[in-house]
Amino acid sequence: MHSFTIPPVVLQLILQLFLASPATACTEQEKCNLLRFLSGLSRYGGLAMSWHDNSTACCKWEGIA
C-alpha cells in the first residue's frame, strides 16, 4: 500500500487559496449603496463611526455581515 503525502509548500498554497476571503473588500457600488442607506437613517446608532467612506472593507463595517 502506497502512502500519499502532500509537500508542505503545496499544502500552504492550497490553504492560502481557500482561506483568502474575497469578501473582505467590497465593490465601489456596494460601498456607495451602504453609505446611501446610512445617510437615509434618522438615527445612525453609532454606525457612522465604523462606516468610513475611504475603507474598502465594507463587509467588516459594524452591522454588515
Protein backbone atom coordinates (compact mmCIF):
# COMPACT_ATOMS: atom_id res chain seq x y z
CA MET A 1 0.00 0.00 0.00
CA HIS A 2 1.39 3.38 -1.00
CA SER A 3 1.03 6.41 1.17
CA PHE A 4 0.39 9.81 -0.33
CA THR A 5 1.92 12.88 1.24
CA ILE A 6 1.37 16.46 0.25
CA PRO A 7 4.52 18.59 0.21
CA PRO A 8 4.29 21.44 2.77
CA VAL A 9 4.59 24.10 0.06
CA VAL A 10 1.63 22.68 -1.84
CA LEU A 11 -0.41 22.40 1.35
CA GLN A 12 0.37 26.02 2.23
CA LEU A 13 -0.69 27.19 -1.24
CA ILE A 14 -3.97 25.27 -1.04
CA LEU A 15 -4.72 26.70 2.41
CA GLN A 16 -3.99 30.25 1.27
CA LEU A 17 -6.31 29.87 -1.70
CA PHE A 18 -9.18 28.56 0.40
CA LEU A 19 -8.68 30.81 3.41
CA ALA A 20 -8.26 34.01 1.41
CA SER A 21 -11.51 35.87 1.80
CA PRO A 22 -12.59 37.84 -1.27
CA ALA A 23 -15.46 39.21 0.83
CA THR A 24 -13.21 41.49 2.83
CA ALA A 25 -13.25 44.09 0.11
CA CYS A 26 -16.42 45.33 -1.46
CA THR A 27 -17.12 46.89 -4.81
CA GLU A 28 -17.47 50.62 -5.19
CA GLN A 29 -21.19 50.11 -5.94
CA GLU A 30 -21.73 48.12 -2.73
CA LYS A 31 -19.91 50.75 -0.69
CA CYS A 32 -21.95 53.58 -2.25
CA ASN A 33 -25.21 51.73 -1.61
CA LEU A 34 -24.35 51.14 2.05
CA LEU A 35 -23.35 54.78 2.56
CA ARG A 36 -26.56 55.92 0.85
CA PHE A 37 -28.56 53.63 3.15
CA LEU A 38 -26.74 55.04 6.19
CA SER A 39 -27.47 58.61 5.14
CA GLY A 40 -31.18 57.76 4.92
CA LEU A 41 -31.39 56.59 8.53
CA SER A 42 -32.80 59.06 11.01
CA ARG A 43 -30.51 57.75 13.75
CA TYR A 44 -27.25 56.07 12.96
CA GLY A 45 -26.94 54.38 16.35
CA GLY A 46 -23.18 54.83 16.21
CA LEU A 47 -22.81 53.03 12.88
CA ALA A 48 -21.27 56.07 11.21
CA MET A 49 -18.21 55.70 13.42
CA SER A 50 -17.26 52.39 11.79
CA TRP A 51 -18.56 53.12 8.29
CA HIS A 52 -15.76 55.03 6.60
CA ASP A 53 -16.06 56.27 3.03
CA ASN A 54 -12.38 55.54 2.35
CA SER A 55 -12.49 51.96 3.69
CA THR A 56 -12.71 49.25 1.03
CA ALA A 57 -13.53 46.57 3.59
CA CYS A 58 -17.20 47.50 3.95
CA CYS A 59 -18.10 43.89 4.72
CA LYS A 60 -16.29 44.42 8.03
CA TRP A 61 -18.28 47.54 8.93
CA GLU A 62 -20.36 47.26 12.10
CA GLY A 63 -23.76 45.72 11.38
CA ILE A 64 -22.77 44.34 7.96
CA ALA A 65 -22.47 40.58 7.59
